[in-house]
All heavy atoms as atom14 arrays in JSON, in Angstrom:
{
  "sequence": "NTYYADSVKGRFTISRDNSLNTFYLQMDSLNPDDTAVYFCGAAYYFC",
  "atom14_mask": [
    [1, 1, 1, 1, 1, 1, 1, 1, 0, 0, 0, 0, 0, 0],
    [1, 1, 1, 1, 1, 1, 1, 0, 0, 0, 0, 0, 0, 0],
    [1, 1, 1, 1, 1, 1, 1, 1, 1, 1, 1, 1, 0, 0],
    [1, 1, 1, 1, 1, 1, 1, 1, 1, 1, 1, 1, 0, 0],
    [1, 1, 1, 1, 1, 0, 0, 0, 0, 0, 0, 0, 0, 0],
    [1, 1, 1, 1, 1, 1, 1, 1, 0, 0, 0, 0, 0, 0],
    [1, 1, 1, 1, 1, 1, 0, 0, 0, 0, 0, 0, 0, 0],
    [1, 1, 1, 1, 1, 1, 1, 0, 0, 0, 0, 0, 0, 0],
    [1, 1, 1, 1, 1, 1, 1, 1, 1, 0, 0, 0, 0, 0],
    [1, 1, 1, 1, 0, 0, 0, 0, 0, 0, 0, 0, 0, 0],
    [1, 1, 1, 1, 1, 1, 1, 1, 1, 1, 1, 0, 0, 0],
    [1, 1, 1, 1, 1, 1, 1, 1, 1, 1, 1, 0, 0, 0],
    [1, 1, 1, 1, 1, 1, 1, 0, 0, 0, 0, 0, 0, 0],
    [1, 1, 1, 1, 1, 1, 1, 1, 0, 0, 0, 0, 0, 0],
    [1, 1, 1, 1, 1, 1, 0, 0, 0, 0, 0, 0, 0, 0],
    [1, 1, 1, 1, 1, 1, 1, 1, 1, 1, 1, 0, 0, 0],
    [1, 1, 1, 1, 1, 1, 1, 1, 0, 0, 0, 0, 0, 0],
    [1, 1, 1, 1, 1, 1, 1, 1, 0, 0, 0, 0, 0, 0],
    [1, 1, 1, 1, 1, 1, 0, 0, 0, 0, 0, 0, 0, 0],
    [1, 1, 1, 1, 1, 1, 1, 1, 0, 0, 0, 0, 0, 0],
    [1, 1, 1, 1, 1, 1, 1, 1, 0, 0, 0, 0, 0, 0],
    [1, 1, 1, 1, 1, 1, 1, 0, 0, 0, 0, 0, 0, 0],
    [1, 1, 1, 1, 1, 1, 1, 1, 1, 1, 1, 0, 0, 0],
    [1, 1, 1, 1, 1, 1, 1, 1, 1, 1, 1, 1, 0, 0],
    [1, 1, 1, 1, 1, 1, 1, 1, 0, 0, 0, 0, 0, 0],
    [1, 1, 1, 1, 1, 1, 1, 1, 1, 0, 0, 0, 0, 0],
    [1, 1, 1, 1, 1, 1, 1, 1, 0, 0, 0, 0, 0, 0],
    [1, 1, 1, 1, 1, 1, 1, 1, 0, 0, 0, 0, 0, 0],
    [1, 1, 1, 1, 1, 1, 0, 0, 0, 0, 0, 0, 0, 0],
    [1, 1, 1, 1, 1, 1, 1, 1, 0, 0, 0, 0, 0, 0],
    [1, 1, 1, 1, 1, 1, 1, 1, 0, 0, 0, 0, 0, 0],
    [1, 1, 1, 1, 1, 1, 1, 0, 0, 0, 0, 0, 0, 0],
    [1, 1, 1, 1, 1, 1, 1, 1, 0, 0, 0, 0, 0, 0],
    [1, 1, 1, 1, 1, 1, 1, 1, 0, 0, 0, 0, 0, 0],
    [1, 1, 1, 1, 1, 1, 1, 0, 0, 0, 0, 0, 0, 0],
    [1, 1, 1, 1, 1, 0, 0, 0, 0, 0, 0, 0, 0, 0],
    [1, 1, 1, 1, 1, 1, 1, 0, 0, 0, 0, 0, 0, 0],
    [1, 1, 1, 1, 1, 1, 1, 1, 1, 1, 1, 1, 0, 0],
    [1, 1, 1, 1, 1, 1, 1, 1, 1, 1, 1, 0, 0, 0],
    [1, 1, 1, 1, 1, 1, 0, 0, 0, 0, 0, 0, 0, 0],
    [1, 1, 1, 1, 0, 0, 0, 0, 0, 0, 0, 0, 0, 0],
    [1, 1, 1, 1, 1, 0, 0, 0, 0, 0, 0, 0, 0, 0],
    [1, 1, 1, 1, 1, 0, 0, 0, 0, 0, 0, 0, 0, 0],
    [1, 1, 1, 1, 1, 1, 1, 1, 1, 1, 1, 1, 0, 0],
    [1, 1, 1, 1, 1, 1, 1, 1, 1, 1, 1, 1, 0, 0],
    [1, 1, 1, 1, 1, 1, 1, 1, 1, 1, 1, 0, 0, 0],
    [1, 1, 1, 1, 1, 1, 0, 0, 0, 0, 0, 0, 0, 0]
  ],
  "atom14_positions": [
    [[89.6, 59.56, 118.36], [90.76, 59.04, 117.84], [91.54, 60.02, 116.92], [90.93, 60.77, 116.19], [90.6, 57.77, 117.03], [90.24, 56.63, 117.82], [90.26, 56.66, 119.11], [89.62, 55.63, 117.34], [0.0, 0.0, 0.0], [0.0, 0.0, 0.0], [0.0, 0.0, 0.0], [0.0, 0.0, 0.0], [0.0, 0.0, 0.0], [0.0, 0.0, 0.0]],
    [[92.82, 60.08, 117.03], [93.59, 61.01, 116.27], [94.6, 60.24, 115.47], [95.05, 59.07, 115.71], [94.45, 61.88, 117.2], [95.31, 61.13, 118.12], [93.62, 62.78, 118.05], [0.0, 0.0, 0.0], [0.0, 0.0, 0.0], [0.0, 0.0, 0.0], [0.0, 0.0, 0.0], [0.0, 0.0, 0.0], [0.0, 0.0, 0.0], [0.0, 0.0, 0.0]],
    [[94.89, 61.03, 114.34], [95.82, 60.31, 113.2], [96.83, 61.33, 112.77], [96.42, 62.53, 112.64], [95.12, 59.95, 112.04], [93.9, 58.9, 112.45], [92.62, 59.25, 112.84], [94.13, 57.55, 112.58], [91.64, 58.41, 113.14], [93.14, 56.69, 113.01], [91.85, 57.04, 113.31], [90.94, 56.33, 113.71], [0.0, 0.0, 0.0], [0.0, 0.0, 0.0]],
    [[98.01, 60.96, 112.44], [99.0, 61.83, 112.06], [99.76, 61.35, 110.81], [100.08, 60.21, 110.64], [100.06, 62.13, 113.15], [99.37, 62.73, 114.32], [98.94, 61.87, 115.5], [99.23, 64.05, 114.67], [98.24, 62.38, 116.58], [98.63, 64.61, 115.67], [98.25, 63.84, 116.73], [97.58, 64.4, 117.8], [0.0, 0.0, 0.0], [0.0, 0.0, 0.0]],
    [[100.29, 62.4, 110.07], [101.22, 61.99, 108.93], [102.44, 61.57, 109.61], [102.94, 62.05, 110.78], [101.53, 63.23, 108.17], [0.0, 0.0, 0.0], [0.0, 0.0, 0.0], [0.0, 0.0, 0.0], [0.0, 0.0, 0.0], [0.0, 0.0, 0.0], [0.0, 0.0, 0.0], [0.0, 0.0, 0.0], [0.0, 0.0, 0.0], [0.0, 0.0, 0.0]],
    [[103.15, 60.64, 108.98], [104.6, 60.23, 109.62], [105.53, 61.35, 109.79], [106.37, 61.31, 110.74], [105.09, 59.09, 108.6], [104.39, 57.87, 108.58], [103.62, 57.6, 109.52], [104.61, 56.96, 107.7], [0.0, 0.0, 0.0], [0.0, 0.0, 0.0], [0.0, 0.0, 0.0], [0.0, 0.0, 0.0], [0.0, 0.0, 0.0], [0.0, 0.0, 0.0]],
    [[105.51, 62.37, 109.0], [106.41, 63.42, 109.01], [106.14, 64.32, 110.18], [107.04, 65.04, 110.61], [106.32, 64.22, 107.72], [104.93, 64.74, 107.64], [0.0, 0.0, 0.0], [0.0, 0.0, 0.0], [0.0, 0.0, 0.0], [0.0, 0.0, 0.0], [0.0, 0.0, 0.0], [0.0, 0.0, 0.0], [0.0, 0.0, 0.0], [0.0, 0.0, 0.0]],
    [[105.05, 64.2, 110.94], [104.72, 65.08, 112.21], [104.49, 64.25, 113.46], [104.31, 64.81, 114.41], [103.62, 65.95, 111.76], [103.82, 66.77, 110.71], [102.16, 65.34, 111.82], [0.0, 0.0, 0.0], [0.0, 0.0, 0.0], [0.0, 0.0, 0.0], [0.0, 0.0, 0.0], [0.0, 0.0, 0.0], [0.0, 0.0, 0.0], [0.0, 0.0, 0.0]],
    [[104.38, 62.9, 113.18], [104.16, 62.04, 114.24], [105.13, 62.22, 115.5], [106.34, 62.27, 115.27], [104.02, 60.5, 113.96], [103.23, 59.7, 114.69], [103.06, 58.3, 114.14], [102.2, 58.4, 112.85], [101.95, 57.11, 112.19], [0.0, 0.0, 0.0], [0.0, 0.0, 0.0], [0.0, 0.0, 0.0], [0.0, 0.0, 0.0], [0.0, 0.0, 0.0]],
    [[104.65, 62.38, 116.64], [105.46, 62.6, 117.8], [105.84, 64.12, 118.03], [106.39, 64.5, 119.13], [0.0, 0.0, 0.0], [0.0, 0.0, 0.0], [0.0, 0.0, 0.0], [0.0, 0.0, 0.0], [0.0, 0.0, 0.0], [0.0, 0.0, 0.0], [0.0, 0.0, 0.0], [0.0, 0.0, 0.0], [0.0, 0.0, 0.0], [0.0, 0.0, 0.0]],
    [[105.63, 64.95, 117.09], [105.92, 66.36, 117.3], [104.66, 67.27, 117.3], [104.59, 68.25, 117.94], [106.8, 66.92, 116.03], [108.09, 66.14, 116.06], [108.98, 66.82, 114.96], [108.36, 66.75, 113.6], [108.1, 67.83, 112.76], [108.39, 68.95, 113.27], [107.67, 67.58, 111.64], [0.0, 0.0, 0.0], [0.0, 0.0, 0.0], [0.0, 0.0, 0.0]],
    [[103.53, 66.76, 116.54], [102.4, 67.59, 116.48], [101.32, 66.9, 117.18], [101.21, 65.78, 117.29], [101.99, 67.79, 114.96], [102.83, 68.71, 114.13], [104.03, 69.09, 114.58], [102.45, 68.97, 112.93], [104.72, 69.91, 113.94], [103.14, 69.92, 112.06], [104.36, 70.32, 112.52], [0.0, 0.0, 0.0], [0.0, 0.0, 0.0], [0.0, 0.0, 0.0]],
    [[100.28, 67.72, 117.77], [99.24, 67.1, 118.47], [98.03, 67.83, 118.02], [97.86, 69.18, 118.18], [99.43, 67.28, 119.95], [100.63, 66.69, 120.46], [98.18, 66.53, 120.69], [0.0, 0.0, 0.0], [0.0, 0.0, 0.0], [0.0, 0.0, 0.0], [0.0, 0.0, 0.0], [0.0, 0.0, 0.0], [0.0, 0.0, 0.0], [0.0, 0.0, 0.0]],
    [[97.08, 67.24, 117.66], [95.61, 67.63, 117.37], [94.67, 67.55, 118.5], [94.68, 66.57, 119.08], [94.97, 67.1, 116.05], [93.64, 67.88, 115.61], [94.8, 65.57, 116.3], [93.25, 67.51, 114.29], [0.0, 0.0, 0.0], [0.0, 0.0, 0.0], [0.0, 0.0, 0.0], [0.0, 0.0, 0.0], [0.0, 0.0, 0.0], [0.0, 0.0, 0.0]],
    [[94.01, 68.68, 118.78], [93.06, 68.57, 119.95], [91.73, 69.38, 119.66], [91.78, 70.21, 118.77], [93.65, 69.05, 121.33], [94.12, 70.3, 121.14], [0.0, 0.0, 0.0], [0.0, 0.0, 0.0], [0.0, 0.0, 0.0], [0.0, 0.0, 0.0], [0.0, 0.0, 0.0], [0.0, 0.0, 0.0], [0.0, 0.0, 0.0], [0.0, 0.0, 0.0]],
    [[90.71, 69.23, 120.53], [89.55, 70.01, 120.24], [88.92, 70.42, 121.62], [89.18, 69.83, 122.61], [88.46, 69.32, 119.46], [88.0, 68.04, 120.07], [87.3, 67.06, 119.26], [86.14, 67.63, 118.42], [85.55, 66.99, 117.44], [86.0, 65.89, 116.95], [84.55, 67.56, 116.87], [0.0, 0.0, 0.0], [0.0, 0.0, 0.0], [0.0, 0.0, 0.0]],
    [[88.25, 71.56, 121.63], [87.54, 71.98, 122.77], [86.16, 72.45, 122.25], [85.81, 73.38, 121.59], [88.11, 73.32, 123.25], [87.55, 73.79, 124.56], [86.3, 73.48, 124.86], [88.28, 74.38, 125.35], [0.0, 0.0, 0.0], [0.0, 0.0, 0.0], [0.0, 0.0, 0.0], [0.0, 0.0, 0.0], [0.0, 0.0, 0.0], [0.0, 0.0, 0.0]],
    [[85.29, 71.39, 122.44], [83.88, 71.48, 121.97], [83.23, 72.72, 122.56], [82.23, 73.25, 121.84], [83.01, 70.26, 122.07], [83.59, 69.05, 121.16], [84.12, 69.42, 120.08], [83.3, 67.82, 121.61], [0.0, 0.0, 0.0], [0.0, 0.0, 0.0], [0.0, 0.0, 0.0], [0.0, 0.0, 0.0], [0.0, 0.0, 0.0], [0.0, 0.0, 0.0]],
    [[83.52, 73.08, 123.79], [82.84, 74.15, 124.5], [83.17, 75.49, 123.71], [82.33, 76.38, 123.75], [83.24, 74.22, 125.85], [84.62, 74.52, 126.04], [0.0, 0.0, 0.0], [0.0, 0.0, 0.0], [0.0, 0.0, 0.0], [0.0, 0.0, 0.0], [0.0, 0.0, 0.0], [0.0, 0.0, 0.0], [0.0, 0.0, 0.0], [0.0, 0.0, 0.0]],
    [[84.3, 75.58, 123.1], [84.84, 76.72, 122.41], [84.49, 76.61, 120.9], [84.76, 77.54, 120.15], [86.21, 76.98, 122.67], [86.56, 77.39, 124.17], [88.05, 77.62, 124.3], [85.83, 78.51, 124.65], [0.0, 0.0, 0.0], [0.0, 0.0, 0.0], [0.0, 0.0, 0.0], [0.0, 0.0, 0.0], [0.0, 0.0, 0.0], [0.0, 0.0, 0.0]],
    [[84.11, 75.52, 120.61], [83.91, 75.31, 118.97], [85.2, 75.51, 118.22], [85.21, 76.02, 117.17], [82.8, 76.03, 118.47], [81.9, 75.17, 117.43], [81.93, 74.01, 117.57], [81.29, 75.96, 116.54], [0.0, 0.0, 0.0], [0.0, 0.0, 0.0], [0.0, 0.0, 0.0], [0.0, 0.0, 0.0], [0.0, 0.0, 0.0], [0.0, 0.0, 0.0]],
    [[86.24, 74.98, 118.92], [87.68, 75.29, 118.39], [88.44, 73.96, 118.31], [88.29, 73.24, 119.24], [88.29, 76.32, 119.2], [87.56, 77.5, 119.25], [89.77, 76.69, 118.75], [0.0, 0.0, 0.0], [0.0, 0.0, 0.0], [0.0, 0.0, 0.0], [0.0, 0.0, 0.0], [0.0, 0.0, 0.0], [0.0, 0.0, 0.0], [0.0, 0.0, 0.0]],
    [[89.29, 73.85, 117.4], [90.32, 72.9, 117.53], [91.76, 73.38, 117.14], [91.86, 74.47, 116.58], [89.98, 71.57, 116.6], [89.88, 71.8, 115.18], [90.82, 71.21, 114.32], [88.77, 72.44, 114.57], [90.74, 71.46, 112.93], [88.65, 72.61, 113.2], [89.72, 72.09, 112.44], [0.0, 0.0, 0.0], [0.0, 0.0, 0.0], [0.0, 0.0, 0.0]],
    [[92.68, 72.54, 117.57], [94.03, 73.05, 117.67], [95.16, 72.19, 117.03], [94.82, 70.93, 116.75], [94.41, 73.25, 119.13], [93.53, 74.12, 119.97], [92.41, 73.42, 120.65], [93.54, 75.4, 119.97], [91.5, 74.16, 121.43], [92.64, 76.26, 120.73], [91.66, 75.61, 121.47], [90.86, 76.3, 122.12], [0.0, 0.0, 0.0], [0.0, 0.0, 0.0]],
    [[96.11, 72.75, 116.72], [97.31, 71.88, 116.17], [98.51, 72.48, 117.07], [99.09, 73.54, 116.65], [97.52, 71.93, 114.8], [98.65, 71.02, 114.28], [98.26, 69.63, 114.42], [98.91, 71.38, 112.72], [0.0, 0.0, 0.0], [0.0, 0.0, 0.0], [0.0, 0.0, 0.0], [0.0, 0.0, 0.0], [0.0, 0.0, 0.0], [0.0, 0.0, 0.0]],
    [[98.95, 71.65, 118.04], [100.15, 72.07, 118.78], [101.4, 71.5, 117.97], [101.39, 70.26, 117.68], [100.2, 71.34, 120.13], [101.5, 71.56, 120.93], [101.64, 73.11, 121.28], [100.81, 73.74, 121.74], [102.98, 73.49, 121.16], [0.0, 0.0, 0.0], [0.0, 0.0, 0.0], [0.0, 0.0, 0.0], [0.0, 0.0, 0.0], [0.0, 0.0, 0.0]],
    [[102.27, 72.31, 117.58], [103.44, 71.97, 116.85], [104.77, 72.19, 117.48], [105.04, 73.31, 117.88], [103.49, 72.63, 115.34], [102.02, 72.67, 114.71], [102.19, 73.43, 113.03], [102.51, 75.09, 113.48], [0.0, 0.0, 0.0], [0.0, 0.0, 0.0], [0.0, 0.0, 0.0], [0.0, 0.0, 0.0], [0.0, 0.0, 0.0], [0.0, 0.0, 0.0]],
    [[105.46, 71.18, 117.82], [106.7, 71.22, 118.65], [107.78, 70.76, 117.72], [107.63, 70.07, 116.73], [106.45, 70.37, 119.93], [105.53, 70.75, 120.77], [105.32, 72.03, 121.04], [104.8, 70.01, 121.38], [0.0, 0.0, 0.0], [0.0, 0.0, 0.0], [0.0, 0.0, 0.0], [0.0, 0.0, 0.0], [0.0, 0.0, 0.0], [0.0, 0.0, 0.0]],
    [[109.14, 71.18, 118.16], [110.2, 70.87, 117.44], [110.16, 71.11, 115.9], [110.48, 70.18, 115.11], [110.49, 69.33, 117.54], [110.68, 69.02, 119.01], [0.0, 0.0, 0.0], [0.0, 0.0, 0.0], [0.0, 0.0, 0.0], [0.0, 0.0, 0.0], [0.0, 0.0, 0.0], [0.0, 0.0, 0.0], [0.0, 0.0, 0.0], [0.0, 0.0, 0.0]],
    [[109.65, 72.26, 115.52], [109.51, 72.65, 114.26], [110.79, 72.63, 113.49], [111.9, 72.93, 114.01], [108.83, 74.02, 114.11], [107.26, 74.05, 114.45], [106.89, 75.42, 114.83], [106.4, 73.51, 113.36], [0.0, 0.0, 0.0], [0.0, 0.0, 0.0], [0.0, 0.0, 0.0], [0.0, 0.0, 0.0], [0.0, 0.0, 0.0], [0.0, 0.0, 0.0]],
    [[110.73, 72.31, 112.21], [111.94, 72.25, 111.37], [111.56, 72.98, 109.88], [110.38, 73.14, 109.64], [112.51, 70.84, 111.17], [111.45, 69.97, 110.48], [111.11, 70.2, 109.32], [111.13, 68.89, 111.1], [0.0, 0.0, 0.0], [0.0, 0.0, 0.0], [0.0, 0.0, 0.0], [0.0, 0.0, 0.0], [0.0, 0.0, 0.0], [0.0, 0.0, 0.0]],
    [[112.62, 73.38, 109.13], [112.33, 74.08, 107.91], [111.36, 73.33, 106.99], [110.45, 74.0, 106.35], [113.52, 74.27, 107.36], [114.51, 74.38, 108.46], [113.99, 73.39, 109.5], [0.0, 0.0, 0.0], [0.0, 0.0, 0.0], [0.0, 0.0, 0.0], [0.0, 0.0, 0.0], [0.0, 0.0, 0.0], [0.0, 0.0, 0.0], [0.0, 0.0, 0.0]],
    [[111.28, 71.98, 107.14], [110.31, 71.19, 106.22], [108.89, 71.48, 106.6], [107.9, 71.11, 105.9], [110.62, 69.73, 106.33], [111.9, 69.47, 105.42], [112.35, 70.15, 104.69], [112.53, 68.39, 105.96], [0.0, 0.0, 0.0], [0.0, 0.0, 0.0], [0.0, 0.0, 0.0], [0.0, 0.0, 0.0], [0.0, 0.0, 0.0], [0.0, 0.0, 0.0]],
    [[108.67, 72.07, 107.9], [107.23, 72.43, 108.16], [106.77, 73.7, 107.66], [105.6, 73.88, 107.99], [107.14, 72.35, 109.8], [107.51, 71.07, 110.37], [107.02, 69.88, 109.83], [108.19, 70.95, 111.41], [0.0, 0.0, 0.0], [0.0, 0.0, 0.0], [0.0, 0.0, 0.0], [0.0, 0.0, 0.0], [0.0, 0.0, 0.0], [0.0, 0.0, 0.0]],
    [[107.54, 74.4, 106.94], [107.15, 75.73, 106.44], [106.07, 75.46, 105.33], [106.19, 74.65, 104.45], [108.44, 76.47, 105.76], [109.28, 76.72, 106.74], [107.9, 77.68, 104.96], [0.0, 0.0, 0.0], [0.0, 0.0, 0.0], [0.0, 0.0, 0.0], [0.0, 0.0, 0.0], [0.0, 0.0, 0.0], [0.0, 0.0, 0.0], [0.0, 0.0, 0.0]],
    [[104.89, 76.14, 105.58], [103.81, 75.88, 104.69], [102.62, 76.83, 105.01], [102.72, 77.48, 106.2], [103.37, 74.43, 104.73], [0.0, 0.0, 0.0], [0.0, 0.0, 0.0], [0.0, 0.0, 0.0], [0.0, 0.0, 0.0], [0.0, 0.0, 0.0], [0.0, 0.0, 0.0], [0.0, 0.0, 0.0], [0.0, 0.0, 0.0], [0.0, 0.0, 0.0]],
    [[101.63, 76.86, 104.37], [100.39, 77.33, 104.82], [99.53, 76.28, 105.32], [99.27, 75.29, 104.67], [99.67, 78.1, 103.51], [98.34, 78.65, 104.15], [100.43, 79.31, 103.05], [0.0, 0.0, 0.0], [0.0, 0.0, 0.0], [0.0, 0.0, 0.0], [0.0, 0.0, 0.0], [0.0, 0.0, 0.0], [0.0, 0.0, 0.0], [0.0, 0.0, 0.0]],
    [[98.99, 76.41, 106.51], [98.29, 75.38, 107.18], [96.81, 75.69, 107.13], [96.27, 76.93, 107.33], [98.79, 75.23, 108.57], [100.06, 74.62, 108.79], [101.26, 75.17, 108.47], [100.14, 73.22, 109.33], [102.45, 74.61, 108.45], [101.33, 72.6, 109.41], [102.45, 73.27, 109.01], [103.64, 72.6, 109.09], [0.0, 0.0, 0.0], [0.0, 0.0, 0.0]],
    [[96.03, 74.78, 106.72], [94.55, 74.85, 106.64], [93.73, 73.82, 107.49], [94.28, 72.77, 107.69], [94.19, 74.41, 105.17], [94.72, 75.38, 104.19], [95.95, 75.06, 103.56], [94.04, 76.5, 103.75], [96.62, 75.88, 102.63], [94.66, 77.33, 102.65], [95.87, 77.16, 102.08], [0.0, 0.0, 0.0], [0.0, 0.0, 0.0], [0.0, 0.0, 0.0]],
    [[92.75, 74.28, 108.22], [92.01, 73.52, 108.99], [90.72, 73.19, 108.1], [90.24, 73.99, 107.45], [91.55, 74.09, 110.27], [90.61, 75.75, 110.29], [0.0, 0.0, 0.0], [0.0, 0.0, 0.0], [0.0, 0.0, 0.0], [0.0, 0.0, 0.0], [0.0, 0.0, 0.0], [0.0, 0.0, 0.0], [0.0, 0.0, 0.0], [0.0, 0.0, 0.0]],
    [[90.25, 72.0, 108.36], [89.11, 71.49, 107.57], [88.17, 70.65, 108.49], [88.51, 70.12, 109.45], [0.0, 0.0, 0.0], [0.0, 0.0, 0.0], [0.0, 0.0, 0.0], [0.0, 0.0, 0.0], [0.0, 0.0, 0.0], [0.0, 0.0, 0.0], [0.0, 0.0, 0.0], [0.0, 0.0, 0.0], [0.0, 0.0, 0.0], [0.0, 0.0, 0.0]],
    [[86.8, 70.69, 108.07], [85.78, 69.91, 108.72], [85.03, 69.17, 107.81], [84.78, 69.57, 106.72], [84.91, 70.93, 109.58], [0.0, 0.0, 0.0], [0.0, 0.0, 0.0], [0.0, 0.0, 0.0], [0.0, 0.0, 0.0], [0.0, 0.0, 0.0], [0.0, 0.0, 0.0], [0.0, 0.0, 0.0], [0.0, 0.0, 0.0], [0.0, 0.0, 0.0]],
    [[84.84, 67.85, 108.13], [84.05, 66.88, 107.29], [83.01, 66.34, 108.0], [83.1, 65.8, 109.11], [85.08, 65.76, 106.87], [0.0, 0.0, 0.0], [0.0, 0.0, 0.0], [0.0, 0.0, 0.0], [0.0, 0.0, 0.0], [0.0, 0.0, 0.0], [0.0, 0.0, 0.0], [0.0, 0.0, 0.0], [0.0, 0.0, 0.0], [0.0, 0.0, 0.0]],
    [[81.8, 66.54, 107.42], [80.42, 66.04, 108.14], [80.09, 64.79, 107.45], [79.55, 63.93, 108.25], [79.37, 67.16, 107.85], [78.2, 66.82, 108.6], [78.01, 66.96, 109.95], [77.03, 66.25, 107.93], [76.81, 66.75, 110.62], [75.83, 66.08, 108.57], [75.86, 66.2, 109.9], [74.69, 65.87, 110.58], [0.0, 0.0, 0.0], [0.0, 0.0, 0.0]],
    [[80.3, 64.62, 106.27], [79.79, 63.43, 105.53], [80.86, 62.22, 105.65], [81.91, 62.34, 106.34], [79.3, 63.62, 104.1], [78.19, 64.72, 104.06], [78.29, 65.88, 103.75], [76.97, 64.32, 104.52], [77.42, 66.9, 103.9], [75.8, 65.17, 104.49], [76.02, 66.34, 104.1], [75.06, 67.22, 104.04], [0.0, 0.0, 0.0], [0.0, 0.0, 0.0]],
    [[80.63, 61.2, 105.03], [81.32, 59.97, 105.07], [82.84, 60.21, 104.62], [83.14, 60.84, 103.67], [80.75, 58.93, 104.13], [81.47, 57.66, 104.06], [81.44, 56.64, 105.02], [82.19, 57.43, 102.92], [82.15, 55.46, 104.98], [82.86, 56.23, 102.7], [82.96, 55.31, 103.84], [0.0, 0.0, 0.0], [0.0, 0.0, 0.0], [0.0, 0.0, 0.0]],
    [[83.74, 59.71, 105.37], [85.08, 59.64, 105.0], [85.53, 58.19, 104.66], [85.03, 57.3, 105.36], [86.05, 60.1, 106.14], [86.21, 61.8, 106.49], [0.0, 0.0, 0.0], [0.0, 0.0, 0.0], [0.0, 0.0, 0.0], [0.0, 0.0, 0.0], [0.0, 0.0, 0.0], [0.0, 0.0, 0.0], [0.0, 0.0, 0.0], [0.0, 0.0, 0.0]]
  ]
}
């Protein structure tokens, strides 16, 4: 299941490729408000 902030819903897509141990963030229709440093994170324990 995937979840998105309202500000990016419909424009960004998160996906993963377990065979490559990699996940992605496809960002479309970018606007100046998307300017930032982007960080990926992994959570093993309880959310």
